[in-house]
Structures are given as structure tokens and as C-alpha cells.
PDB file of N, CA and C in Angstrom:
ATOM      1  N   MET A   1       0.716  -1.349   0.106  1.00  0.00           N
ATOM      2  CA  MET A   1      -0.128  -0.065   0.246  1.00  0.00           C
ATOM      3  C   MET A   1       1.214   1.580   0.010  1.00  0.00           C
ATOM      4  N   VAL A   2       0.672   2.107  -0.875  1.00  0.00           N
ATOM      5  CA  VAL A   2       1.295   3.515  -0.741  1.00  0.00           C
ATOM      6  C   VAL A   2       0.778   4.778   0.182  1.00  0.00           C
ATOM      7  N   PRO A   3       1.982   5.014   0.916  1.00  0.00           N
ATOM      8  CA  PRO A   3       1.600   6.006   1.942  1.00  0.00           C
ATOM      9  C   PRO A   3       0.796   7.255   1.450  1.00  0.00           C
ATOM     10  N   ALA A   4      -0.331   7.828   2.539  1.00  0.00           N
ATOM     11  CA  ALA A   4      -0.887   9.107   2.098  1.00  0.00           C
ATOM     12  C   ALA A   4       0.147  10.078   2.004  1.00  0.00           C
ATOM     13  N   THR A   5      -0.046  10.965   1.219  1.00  0.00           N
ATOM     14  CA  THR A   5       0.811  11.914   1.039  1.00  0.00           C
ATOM     15  C   THR A   5       0.527  13.649   2.213  1.00  0.00           C
ATOM     16  N   TYR A   6       0.604  14.108   2.855  1.00  0.00           N
ATOM     17  CA  TYR A   6       0.144  15.060   3.630  1.00  0.00           C
ATOM     18  C   TYR A   6       1.344  16.123   3.796  1.00  0.00           C
ATOM     19  N   ASN A   7       1.594  17.212   3.522  1.00  0.00           N
ATOM     20  CA  ASN A   7       2.656  18.214   3.646  1.00  0.00           C
ATOM     21  C   ASN A   7       2.367  18.389   4.878  1.00  0.00           C
ATOM     22  N   LEU A   8       3.410  18.554   5.959  1.00  0.00           N
ATOM     23  CA  LEU A   8       3.513  19.275   6.977  1.00  0.00           C
ATOM     24  C   LEU A   8       3.384  20.731   7.148  1.00  0.00           C
ATOM     25  N   PRO A   9       2.419  20.894   8.220  1.00  0.00           N
ATOM     26  CA  PRO A   9       2.512  23.010   8.204  1.00  0.00           C
ATOM     27  C   PRO A   9       3.730  23.428   8.378  1.00  0.00           C
ATOM     28  N   THR A  10       4.064  24.286   7.455  1.00  0.00           N
ATOM     29  CA  THR A  10       5.301  25.237   7.658  1.00  0.00           C
ATOM     30  C   THR A  10       5.725  25.730   8.828  1.00  0.00           C
ATOM     31  N   GLY A  11       7.233  25.268   8.841  1.00  0.00           N
ATOM     32  CA  GLY A  11       7.771  25.746  10.370  1.00  0.00           C
ATOM     33  C   GLY A  11       8.627  27.028   9.910  1.00  0.00           C
ATOM     34  N   TYR A  12       9.113  27.470  11.052  1.00  0.00           N
ATOM     35  CA  TYR A  12      10.081  28.667  11.015  1.00  0.00           C
ATOM     36  C   TYR A  12      11.371  28.623  11.979  1.00  0.00           C
ATOM     37  N   ARG A  13      12.262  28.735  11.144  1.00  0.00           N
ATOM     38  CA  ARG A  13      13.813  28.421  11.618  1.00  0.00           C
ATOM     39  C   ARG A  13      13.726  29.142  13.216  1.00  0.00           C
ATOM     40  N   GLY A  14      14.097  28.393  14.344  1.00  0.00           N
ATOM     41  CA  GLY A  14      14.406  28.665  15.360  1.00  0.00           C
ATOM     42  C   GLY A  14      12.985  29.181  16.467  1.00  0.00           C
ATOM     43  N   ASP A  15      11.514  28.677  15.852  1.00  0.00           N
ATOM     44  CA  ASP A  15      10.532  28.962  16.768  1.00  0.00           C
ATOM     45  C   ASP A  15      10.339  27.313  17.094  1.00  0.00           C
ATOM     46  N   THR A  16       9.567  27.192  18.348  1.00  0.00           N
ATOM     47  CA  THR A  16       8.768  25.922  18.571  1.00  0.00           C
ATOM     48  C   THR A  16       7.874  25.715  17.410  1.00  0.00           C
ATOM     49  N   TYR A  17       7.799  24.310  17.423  1.00  0.00           N
ATOM     50  CA  TYR A  17       7.105  23.798  16.098  1.00  0.00           C
ATOM     51  C   TYR A  17       6.150  22.279  16.850  1.00  0.00           C
ATOM     52  N   GLY A  18       4.764  22.605  16.789  1.00  0.00           N
ATOM     53  CA  GLY A  18       3.975  21.254  16.739  1.00  0.00           C
ATOM     54  C   GLY A  18       3.288  21.988  18.485  1.00  0.00           C
ATOM     55  N   PRO A  19       2.733  20.837  18.743  1.00  0.00           N
ATOM     56  CA  PRO A  19       2.260  19.464  18.751  1.00  0.00           C
ATOM     57  C   PRO A  19       1.640  19.211  17.272  1.00  0.00           C
ATOM     58  N   ILE A  20       1.650  18.153  16.664  1.00  0.00           N
ATOM     59  CA  ILE A  20       1.011  17.726  15.467  1.00  0.00           C
ATOM     60  C   ILE A  20       0.461  16.267  15.633  1.00  0.00           C
ATOM     61  N   THR A  21      -0.943  16.600  15.097  1.00  0.00           N
ATOM     62  CA  THR A  21      -1.693  15.008  15.500  1.00  0.00           C
ATOM     63  C   THR A  21      -2.260  14.109  14.274  1.00  0.00           C
ATOM     64  N   PHE A  22      -2.007  13.166  14.045  1.00  0.00           N
ATOM     65  CA  PHE A  22      -2.523  11.869  12.703  1.00  0.00           C
ATOM     66  C   PHE A  22      -3.527  11.350  13.586  1.00  0.00           C
ATOM     67  N   THR A  23      -4.173  11.260  12.585  1.00  0.00           N
ATOM     68  CA  THR A  23      -5.417  10.319  13.406  1.00  0.00           C
ATOM     69  C   THR A  23      -5.993   9.356  12.067  1.00  0.00           C
ATOM     70  N   PHE A  24      -5.595   7.496  12.052  1.00  0.00           N
ATOM     71  CA  PHE A  24      -5.472   7.087  11.060  1.00  0.00           C
ATOM     72  C   PHE A  24      -6.917   6.280  11.193  1.00  0.00           C
ATOM     73  N   LEU A  25      -7.630   6.181  10.057  1.00  0.00           N
ATOM     74  CA  LEU A  25      -9.072   5.420   9.890  1.00  0.00           C
ATOM     75  C   LEU A  25      -8.682   4.760   8.584  1.00  0.00           C
ATOM     76  N   ASP A  26      -9.438   3.081   8.700  1.00  0.00           N
ATOM     77  CA  ASP A  26      -9.881   2.960   7.394  1.00  0.00           C
ATOM     78  C   ASP A  26     -10.581   2.833   6.666  1.00  0.00           C
ATOM     79  N   SER A  27     -10.710   2.322   5.363  1.00  0.00           N
ATOM     80  CA  SER A  27     -11.790   2.959   4.425  1.00  0.00           C
ATOM     81  C   SER A  27     -13.173   2.711   4.833  1.00  0.00           C
ATOM     82  N   SER A  28     -13.641   2.340   5.879  1.00  0.00           N
ATOM     83  CA  SER A  28     -15.009   2.580   6.382  1.00  0.00           C
ATOM     84  C   SER A  28     -14.988   3.659   7.411  1.00  0.00           C
ATOM     85  N   GLY A  29     -14.236   4.361   7.751  1.00  0.00           N
ATOM     86  CA  GLY A  29     -14.358   5.234   8.692  1.00  0.00           C
ATOM     87  C   GLY A  29     -13.969   5.067  10.234  1.00  0.00           C
ATOM     88  N   SER A  30     -13.462   3.642  10.077  1.00  0.00           N
ATOM     89  CA  SER A  30     -13.490   3.385  11.625  1.00  0.00           C
ATOM     90  C   SER A  30     -11.520   3.478  12.128  1.00  0.00           C
ATOM     91  N   GLY A  31     -11.304   3.448  13.182  1.00  0.00           N
ATOM     92  CA  GLY A  31     -10.089   4.047  13.848  1.00  0.00           C
ATOM     93  C   GLY A  31      -9.236   2.823  13.517  1.00  0.00           C
ATOM     94  N   ILE A  32      -8.134   2.796  12.847  1.00  0.00           N
ATOM     95  CA  ILE A  32      -7.034   1.687  13.130  1.00  0.00           C
ATOM     96  C   ILE A  32      -6.286   1.779  14.435  1.00  0.00           C
ATOM     97  N   ASN A  33      -6.524   0.725  14.924  1.00  0.00           N
ATOM     98  CA  ASN A  33      -5.804   0.720  16.460  1.00  0.00           C
ATOM     99  C   ASN A  33      -4.401   0.438  16.338  1.00  0.00           C
ATOM    100  N   ILE A  34      -3.369   1.552  16.646  1.00  0.00           N
ATOM    101  CA  ILE A  34      -1.792   0.756  16.649  1.00  0.00           C
ATOM    102  C   ILE A  34      -1.526   1.403  18.379  1.00  0.00           C
ATOM    103  N   ASP A  35      -2.536   1.113  19.309  1.00  0.00           N
ATOM    104  CA  ASP A  35      -1.805   1.039  20.609  1.00  0.00           C
ATOM    105  C   ASP A  35      -0.814  -0.025  20.387  1.00  0.00           C
ATOM    106  N   GLY A  36       0.191   0.272  21.074  1.00  0.00           N
ATOM    107  CA  GLY A  36       1.513  -0.472  21.085  1.00  0.00           C
ATOM    108  C   GLY A  36       2.528  -0.461  20.222  1.00  0.00           C
ATOM    109  N   PHE A  37       2.077   0.055  18.960  1.00  0.00           N
ATOM    110  CA  PHE A  37       3.316   0.354  17.852  1.00  0.00           C
ATOM    111  C   PHE A  37       4.194   1.007  18.329  1.00  0.00           C
ATOM    112  N   SER A  38       5.624   1.252  17.888  1.00  0.00           N
ATOM    113  CA  SER A  38       6.461   1.961  17.755  1.00  0.00           C
ATOM    114  C   SER A  38       6.627   3.153  16.806  1.00  0.00           C
ATOM    115  N   GLY A  39       7.187   4.071  16.318  1.00  0.00           N
ATOM    116  CA  GLY A  39       7.345   4.515  15.274  1.00  0.00           C
ATOM    117  C   GLY A  39       8.125   5.812  15.237  1.00  0.00           C
ATOM    118  N   ALA A  40       8.763   6.184  14.017  1.00  0.00           N
ATOM    119  CA  ALA A  40       9.782   7.478  14.229  1.00  0.00           C
ATOM    120  C   ALA A  40       9.009   8.432  12.665  1.00  0.00           C
ATOM    121  N   LEU A  41       9.303   9.354  12.778  1.00  0.00           N
ATOM    122  CA  LEU A  41       9.301  10.289  11.655  1.00  0.00           C
ATOM    123  C   LEU A  41      10.581  11.307  11.715  1.00  0.00           C
ATOM    124  N   GLN A  42      11.032  11.064  10.285  1.00  0.00           N
ATOM    125  CA  GLN A  42      12.368  11.629  10.268  1.00  0.00           C
ATOM    126  C   GLN A  42      12.019  13.069   9.003  1.00  0.00           C
ATOM    127  N   VAL A  43      12.337  13.881   9.113  1.00  0.00           N
ATOM    128  CA  VAL A  43      12.734  14.895   7.959  1.00  0.00           C
ATOM    129  C   VAL A  43      14.079  14.862   7.836  1.00  0.00           C
ATOM    130  N   ARG A  44      14.273  14.914   6.247  1.00  0.00           N
ATOM    131  CA  ARG A  44      15.647  14.598   5.758  1.00  0.00           C
ATOM    132  C   ARG A  44      15.506  15.592   4.521  1.00  0.00           C
ATOM    133  N   GLU A  45      16.757  16.300   3.605  1.00  0.00           N
ATOM    134  CA  GLU A  45      16.941  16.599   2.707  1.00  0.00           C
ATOM    135  C   GLU A  45      16.469  15.462   1.595  1.00  0.00           C
ATOM    136  N   ALA A  46      16.828  14.783   1.431  1.00  0.00           N
ATOM    137  CA  ALA A  46      16.735  13.471   0.746  1.00  0.00           C
ATOM    138  C   ALA A  46      16.651  12.142   1.320  1.00  0.00           C
ATOM    139  N   ALA A  47      16.262  11.227   0.589  1.00  0.00           N
ATOM    140  CA  ALA A  47      16.531   9.811   1.315  1.00  0.00           C
ATOM    141  C   ALA A  47      18.111   9.793   1.189  1.00  0.00           C
ATOM    142  N   GLY A  48      18.379   8.821   2.581  1.00  0.00           N
ATOM    143  CA  GLY A  48      19.919   8.726   2.370  1.00  0.00           C
ATOM    144  C   GLY A  48      20.635  10.021   3.197  1.00  0.00           C
ATOM    145  N   TYR A  49      20.223  10.714   3.536  1.00  0.00           N
ATOM    146  CA  TYR A  49      20.766  11.872   3.995  1.00  0.00           C
ATOM    147  C   TYR A  49      20.349  11.921   5.878  1.00  0.00           C
ATOM    148  N   THR A  50      21.245  12.750   6.288  1.00  0.00           N
ATOM    149  CA  THR A  50      20.918  12.326   8.135  1.00  0.00           C
ATOM    150  C   THR A  50      19.579  13.310   8.488  1.00  0.00           C
ATOM    151  N   PRO A  51      18.843  12.718   9.081  1.00  0.00           N
ATOM    152  CA  PRO A  51      17.718  13.567   9.637  1.00  0.00           C
ATOM    153  C   PRO A  51      18.270  15.131  10.337  1.00  0.00           C
ATOM    154  N   VAL A  52      17.042  15.910   9.654  1.00  0.00           N
ATOM    155  CA  VAL A  52      17.510  17.179  10.040  1.00  0.00           C
ATOM    156  C   VAL A  52      16.598  16.933  11.474  1.00  0.00           C
ATOM    157  N   ILE A  53      15.411  16.806  11.639  1.00  0.00           N
ATOM    158  CA  ILE A  53      14.551  16.773  13.001  1.00  0.00           C
ATOM    159  C   ILE A  53      13.900  15.252  12.837  1.00  0.00           C
ATOM    160  N   GLN A  54      13.463  15.141  13.876  1.00  0.00           N
ATOM    161  CA  GLN A  54      13.193  13.982  14.029  1.00  0.00           C
ATOM    162  C   GLN A  54      12.462  13.635  15.252  1.00  0.00           C
ATOM    163  N   TRP A  55      10.860  12.499  15.084  1.00  0.00           N
ATOM    164  CA  TRP A  55      10.069  12.495  16.613  1.00  0.00           C
ATOM    165  C   TRP A  55      10.042  10.837  16.399  1.00  0.00           C
ATOM    166  N   VAL A  56      10.515  10.524  17.237  1.00  0.00           N
ATOM    167  CA  VAL A  56      10.695   9.200  17.758  1.00  0.00           C
ATOM    168  C   VAL A  56       9.862   8.484  19.174  1.00  0.00           C
ATOM    169  N   THR A  57       9.305   7.582  19.180  1.00  0.00           N
ATOM    170  CA  THR A  57       8.472   6.819  20.261  1.00  0.00           C
ATOM    171  C   THR A  57       9.492   6.869  21.601  1.00  0.00           C
ATOM    172  N   SER A  58      10.637   5.941  20.846  1.00  0.00           N
ATOM    173  CA  SER A  58      11.654   6.117  21.961  1.00  0.00           C
ATOM    174  C   SER A  58      12.251   6.920  23.074  1.00  0.00           C
ATOM    175  N   ASP A  59      12.046   8.060  22.511  1.00  0.00           N
ATOM    176  CA  ASP A  59      12.406   9.381  23.557  1.00  0.00           C
ATOM    177  C   ASP A  59      11.065  10.105  23.450  1.00  0.00           C
ATOM    178  N   SER A  60      10.021   9.943  23.354  1.00  0.00           N
ATOM    179  CA  SER A  60       8.303  10.353  23.763  1.00  0.00           C
ATOM    180  C   SER A  60       8.662  11.660  22.692  1.00  0.00           C
ATOM    181  N   GLY A  61       9.203  11.661  22.096  1.00  0.00           N
ATOM    182  CA  GLY A  61       8.936  12.656  20.906  1.00  0.00           C
ATOM    183  C   GLY A  61       7.516  12.486  20.561  1.00  0.00           C
ATOM    184  N   MET A  62       7.495  11.241  20.206  1.00  0.00           N
ATOM    185  CA  MET A  62       5.891  10.571  19.452  1.00  0.00           C
ATOM    186  C   MET A  62       5.194  10.006  20.211  1.00  0.00           C
ATOM    187  N   LEU A  63       4.103  10.588  20.468  1.00  0.00           N
ATOM    188  CA  LEU A  63       2.941   9.282  21.138  1.00  0.00           C
ATOM    189  C   LEU A  63       2.065   8.597  20.490  1.00  0.00           C
ATOM    190  N   ILE A  64       1.993   7.429  20.725  1.00  0.00           N
ATOM    191  CA  ILE A  64       0.942   6.628  20.036  1.00  0.00           C
ATOM    192  C   ILE A  64      -0.404   5.864  20.788  1.00  0.00           C
ATOM    193  N   SER A  65      -1.684   6.522  20.407  1.00  0.00           N
ATOM    194  CA  SER A  65      -2.399   5.982  21.402  1.00  0.00           C
ATOM    195  C   SER A  65      -3.638   5.764  20.586  1.00  0.00           C
ATOM    196  N   GLY A  66      -4.626   4.467  20.969  1.00  0.00           N
ATOM    197  CA  GLY A  66      -5.311   4.355  19.908  1.00  0.00           C
ATOM    198  C   GLY A  66      -5.380   4.617  18.818  1.00  0.00           C
ATOM    199  N   ASN A  67      -5.823   5.119  17.898  1.00  0.00           N
ATOM    200  CA  ASN A  67      -5.779   5.423  16.237  1.00  0.00           C
ATOM    201  C   ASN A  67      -4.896   6.582  16.190  1.00  0.00           C
ATOM    202  N   THR A  68      -4.019   7.419  17.237  1.00  0.00           N
ATOM    203  CA  THR A  68      -3.752   8.612  16.676  1.00  0.00           C
ATOM    204  C   THR A  68      -1.994   8.555  16.978  1.00  0.00           C
ATOM    205  N   VAL A  69      -1.261   9.224  16.388  1.00  0.00           N
ATOM    206  CA  VAL A  69       0.113   9.700  16.495  1.00  0.00           C
ATOM    207  C   VAL A  69      -0.170  11.027  16.785  1.00  0.00           C
ATOM    208  N   THR A  70       0.800  11.493  17.905  1.00  0.00           N
ATOM    209  CA  THR A  70       0.909  12.954  17.966  1.00  0.00           C
ATOM    210  C   THR A  70       2.641  13.080  18.221  1.00  0.00           C
ATOM    211  N   LEU A  71       2.994  14.383  17.392  1.00  0.00           N
ATOM    212  CA  LEU A  71       4.226  15.170  17.365  1.00  0.00           C
ATOM    213  C   LEU A  71       4.452  15.783  18.461  1.00  0.00           C
ATOM    214  N   THR A  72       4.999  15.535  19.570  1.00  0.00           N
ATOM    215  CA  THR A  72       5.046  16.763  20.801  1.00  0.00           C
ATOM    216  C   THR A  72       5.893  18.057  20.324  1.00  0.00           C
ATOM    217  N   PRO A  73       5.927  18.843  20.727  1.00  0.00           N
ATOM    218  CA  PRO A  73       6.239  20.056  20.327  1.00  0.00           C
ATOM    219  C   PRO A  73       7.815  20.307  20.058  1.00  0.00           C
ATOM    220  N   LYS A  74       8.812  20.572  19.232  1.00  0.00           N
ATOM    221  CA  LYS A  74       9.874  20.349  18.970  1.00  0.00           C
ATOM    222  C   LYS A  74      10.429  22.320  19.552  1.00  0.00           C
ATOM    223  N   PRO A  75      11.369  22.434  20.194  1.00  0.00           N
ATOM    224  CA  PRO A  75      11.533  23.324  20.779  1.00  0.00           C
ATOM    225  C   PRO A  75      12.722  24.189  20.008  1.00  0.00           C
ATOM    226  N   GLY A  76      12.276  25.638  19.568  1.00  0.00           N
ATOM    227  CA  GLY A  76      13.250  26.511  18.715  1.00  0.00           C
ATOM    228  C   GLY A  76      14.768  25.863  18.570  1.00  0.00           C
ATOM    229  N   ASP A  77      15.799  25.211  19.805  1.00  0.00           N
ATOM    230  CA  ASP A  77      16.861  24.906  19.354  1.00  0.00           C
ATOM    231  C   ASP A  77      16.605  24.034  18.642  1.00  0.00           C
ATOM    232  N   CYS A  78      15.892  22.852  18.467  1.00  0.00           N
ATOM    233  CA  CYS A  78      15.878  21.865  17.549  1.00  0.00           C
ATOM    234  C   CYS A  78      15.537  22.394  16.390  1.00  0.00           C
ATOM    235  N   MET A  79      14.677  23.442  16.022  1.00  0.00           N
ATOM    236  CA  MET A  79      14.467  23.889  14.596  1.00  0.00           C
ATOM    237  C   MET A  79      15.659  24.941  14.087  1.00  0.00           C
ATOM    238  N   GLN A  80      16.681  24.395  13.626  1.00  0.00           N
ATOM    239  CA  GLN A  80      17.950  25.510  13.502  1.00  0.00           C
ATOM    240  C   GLN A  80      18.601  24.465  11.932  1.00  0.00           C
ATOM    241  N   ALA A  81      17.849  23.826  10.956  1.00  0.00           N
ATOM    242  CA  ALA A  81      18.417  23.536   9.911  1.00  0.00           C
ATOM    243  C   ALA A  81      18.004  24.599   9.073  1.00  0.00           C
ATOM    244  N   LEU A  82      18.775  24.807   7.695  1.00  0.00           N
ATOM    245  CA  LEU A  82      18.864  25.510   6.963  1.00  0.00           C
ATOM    246  C   LEU A  82      17.390  25.395   6.638  1.00  0.00           C
ATOM    247  N   PRO A  83      16.839  27.030   6.150  1.00  0.00           N
ATOM    248  CA  PRO A  83      15.638  27.106   5.040  1.00  0.00           C
ATOM    249  C   PRO A  83      15.683  26.368   4.235  1.00  0.00           C
ATOM    250  N   GLY A  84      14.528  25.277   3.943  1.00  0.00           N
ATOM    251  CA  GLY A  84      14.141  24.826   2.503  1.00  0.00           C
ATOM    252  C   GLY A  84      13.031  24.182   2.550  1.00  0.00           C
ATOM    253  N   THR A  85      12.834  23.244   1.754  1.00  0.00           N
ATOM    254  CA  THR A  85      12.203  22.626   1.372  1.00  0.00           C
ATOM    255  C   THR A  85      12.672  20.821   1.794  1.00  0.00           C
ATOM    256  N   TYR A  86      12.204  20.085   2.826  1.00  0.00           N
ATOM    257  CA  TYR A  86      12.553  18.809   3.122  1.00  0.00           C
ATOM    258  C   TYR A  86      11.758  17.848   2.903  1.00  0.00           C
ATOM    259  N   SER A  87      11.705  16.558   2.714  1.00  0.00           N
ATOM    260  CA  SER A  87      10.992  15.503   2.369  1.00  0.00           C
ATOM    261  C   SER A  87      11.217  14.678   4.422  1.00  0.00           C
ATOM    262  N   TYR A  88       9.453  13.978   4.643  1.00  0.00           N
ATOM    263  CA  TYR A  88       9.384  13.515   5.593  1.00  0.00           C
ATOM    264  C   TYR A  88       8.872  11.738   4.844  1.00  0.00           C
ATOM    265  N   ASP A  89       8.685  11.028   6.019  1.00  0.00           N
ATOM    266  CA  ASP A  89       7.556   9.926   6.142  1.00  0.00           C
ATOM    267  C   ASP A  89       7.478   9.372   7.384  1.00  0.00           C
ATOM    268  N   LEU A  90       6.622   8.953   7.698  1.00  0.00           N
ATOM    269  CA  LEU A  90       6.358   8.203   9.279  1.00  0.00           C
ATOM    270  C   LEU A  90       5.987   6.952   9.210  1.00  0.00           C
ATOM    271  N   GLN A  91       6.947   6.139  10.098  1.00  0.00           N
ATOM    272  CA  GLN A  91       6.915   4.847   9.581  1.00  0.00           C
ATOM    273  C   GLN A  91       6.242   4.173  11.175  1.00  0.00           C
ATOM    274  N   LEU A  92       5.517   3.425  11.128  1.00  0.00           N
ATOM    275  CA  LEU A  92       5.077   2.560  12.476  1.00  0.00           C
ATOM    276  C   LEU A  92       5.629   0.923  11.958  1.00  0.00           C
ATOM    277  N   ASN A  93       5.904   0.583  13.730  1.00  0.00           N
ATOM    278  CA  ASN A  93       5.910  -1.093  13.698  1.00  0.00           C
ATOM    279  C   ASN A  93       5.434  -1.525  15.246  1.00  0.00           C
ATOM    280  N   SER A  94       4.991  -3.026  14.834  1.00  0.00           N
ATOM    281  CA  SER A  94       4.395  -3.401  15.835  1.00  0.00           C
ATOM    282  C   SER A  94       5.138  -4.687  16.408  1.00  0.00           C
ATOM    283  N   GLY A  95       6.209  -4.682  15.569  1.00  0.00           N
ATOM    284  CA  GLY A  95       7.271  -6.008  15.904  1.00  0.00           C
ATOM    285  C   GLY A  95       7.304  -6.700  15.017  1.00  0.00           C
ATOM    286  N   SER A  96       6.026  -6.788  14.436  1.00  0.00           N
ATOM    287  CA  SER A  96       6.454  -8.326  13.473  1.00  0.00           C
ATOM    288  C   SER A  96       5.871  -7.342  11.747  1.00  0.00           C
ATOM    289  N   TYR A  97       5.375  -6.333  12.222  1.00  0.00           N
ATOM    290  CA  TYR A  97       4.622  -5.542  10.786  1.00  0.00           C
ATOM    291  C   TYR A  97       5.383  -4.044  11.038  1.00  0.00           C
ATOM    292  N   VAL A  98       5.764  -3.720   9.685  1.00  0.00           N
ATOM    293  CA  VAL A  98       6.152  -2.387   9.323  1.00  0.00           C
ATOM    294  C   VAL A  98       5.334  -1.721   8.734  1.00  0.00           C
ATOM    295  N   ARG A  99       5.067  -0.777   8.632  1.00  0.00           N
ATOM    296  CA  ARG A  99       4.658   0.160   7.474  1.00  0.00           C
ATOM    297  C   ARG A  99       4.439   1.847   7.673  1.00  0.00           C
ATOM    298  N   THR A 100       4.830   2.359   6.333  1.00  0.00           N
ATOM    299  CA  THR A 100       4.977   3.741   5.931  1.00  0.00           C
ATOM    300  C   THR A 100       3.624   4.425   5.816  1.00  0.00           C
ATOM    301  N   TYR A 101       3.172   5.431   6.867  1.00  0.00           N
ATOM    302  CA  TYR A 101       1.884   5.252   6.902  1.00  0.00           C
ATOM    303  C   TYR A 101       1.846   6.912   6.086  1.00  0.00           C
ATOM    304  N   THR A 102       2.354   7.705   6.189  1.00  0.00           N
ATOM    305  CA  THR A 102       2.059   9.079   5.290  1.00  0.00           C
ATOM    306  C   THR A 102       3.942   9.386   5.134  1.00  0.00           C
ATOM    307  N   ARG A 103       3.801  10.230   4.367  1.00  0.00           N
ATOM    308  CA  ARG A 103       4.485  10.865   3.419  1.00  0.00           C
ATOM    309  C   ARG A 103       4.423  12.590   2.741  1.00  0.00           C
ATOM    310  N   GLY A 104       5.431  12.853   2.386  1.00  0.00           N
ATOM    311  CA  GLY A 104       5.100  14.610   2.212  1.00  0.00           C
ATOM    312  C   GLY A 104       6.374  15.424   2.611  1.00  0.00           C
ATOM    313  N   GLU A 105       5.689  16.534   2.596  1.00  0.00           N
ATOM    314  CA  GLU A 105       6.729  17.731   2.401  1.00  0.00           C
ATOM    315  C   GLU A 105       6.654  18.457   3.798  1.00  0.00           C
ATOM    316  N   PHE A 106       8.004  19.174   4.270  1.00  0.00           N
ATOM    317  CA  PHE A 106       8.090  19.740   4.982  1.00  0.00           C
ATOM    318  C   PHE A 106       8.946  21.056   4.869  1.00  0.00           C
ATOM    319  N   VAL A 107       8.011  22.250   5.157  1.00  0.00           N
ATOM    320  CA  VAL A 107       8.867  23.654   4.498  1.00  0.00           C
ATOM    321  C   VAL A 107       9.450  24.295   5.538  1.00  0.00           C
ATOM    322  N   LEU A 108      10.553  24.664   5.838  1.00  0.00           N
ATOM    323  CA  LEU A 108      10.964  25.047   7.064  1.00  0.00           C
ATOM    324  C   LEU A 108      11.683  26.930   6.400  1.00  0.00           C
ATOM    325  N   GLU A 109      11.040  28.041   6.955  1.00  0.00           N
ATOM    326  CA  GLU A 109      11.333  29.045   6.606  1.00  0.00           C
ATOM    327  C   GLU A 109      12.250  29.882   7.424  1.00  0.00           C
ATOM    328  N   SER A 110      12.821  30.631   6.728  1.00  0.00           N
ATOM    329  CA  SER A 110      13.686  31.724   7.651  1.00  0.00           C
ATOM    330  C   SER A 110      12.702  33.025   8.375  1.00  0.00           C
ATOM    331  N   ASP A 111      12.995  33.449   9.878  1.00  0.00           N
ATOM    332  CA  ASP A 111      12.274  34.146  10.187  1.00  0.00           C
ATOM    333  C   ASP A 111      13.047  35.344  10.209  1.00  0.00           C
ATOM    334  N   ILE A 112      12.537  37.145  10.310  1.00  0.00           N
ATOM    335  CA  ILE A 112      13.378  37.886   9.848  1.00  0.00           C
ATOM    336  C   ILE A 112      13.875  38.253  11.368  1.00  0.00           C
ATOM    337  N   THR A 113      13.156  38.236  12.587  1.00  0.00           N
ATOM    338  CA  THR A 113      13.410  38.758  13.813  1.00  0.00           C
ATOM    339  C   THR A 113      14.524  37.472  14.824  1.00  0.00           C
ATOM    340  N   SER A 114      14.922  37.450  15.128  1.00  0.00           N
ATOM    341  CA  SER A 114      15.691  36.840  16.319  1.00  0.00           C
ATOM    342  C   SER A 114      16.233  37.305  17.495  1.00  0.00           C
ATOM    343  N   LEU A 115      15.701  36.431  18.462  1.00  0.00           N
ATOM    344  CA  LEU A 115      15.733  37.171  20.275  1.00  0.00           C
ATOM    345  C   LEU A 115      17.128  36.727  20.705  1.00  0.00           C
TER     346      LEU A 115
END
């Protein structure tokens, strides 16, 4: 199955980003139970590059409950990548089952004011 395309909201370099919540439903509109899954969302320049921003369940940056995935807010000091358009995908793992649910772009803009 091909992952759904969803472009993340635009971020601003040095600003707090998030939270963002994904809700997963099947074709009949019922929630897909992903309790107990682990996951990661990585933002990169392209496949094979080092992540510039990431959320993972192993450090509580990503929370999974029922049929939702929540990306916890990233503080401004984690949002220091160079401005540009990046790619991401969201992969979930139940131990025996790995699936990429969403993919898309993440735009990081430069702000004018700095504190």
C-alpha cells in the first residue's frame, strides 16, 4: 500500500514547532488501532541524508494512543536546520509489521526577527 501524502505545516527556523496529531482511519471510517506500536518520523533533505529533525517513540517525542500519533512540540533550538523544503515519512512498527503511513514535504522558512 502506498503511503498517504500529507505536507506538514510550515515551520519557522528557531521557533517552537508542534504539536501535530495524525488520526488513522480505515476505508470505512473506523479507527485503526495502533496501540503498542513504535514509530519514527524523520525529516531529511532526501533519502539517505542525515535527519535534520525527527520524532521517535523511544524518546517520547512521538506518542501513540488508540488510532492517533502525536508529534510533541519541538523547541526552537531543535529547529535550526537551514531554510528549505525537506521530505519526511512516518513509519510505524508493531514488531512483526512495519508500515509507512504518510509521506510528504516539510517547509522550513527563515524568520526575520531573532531574539
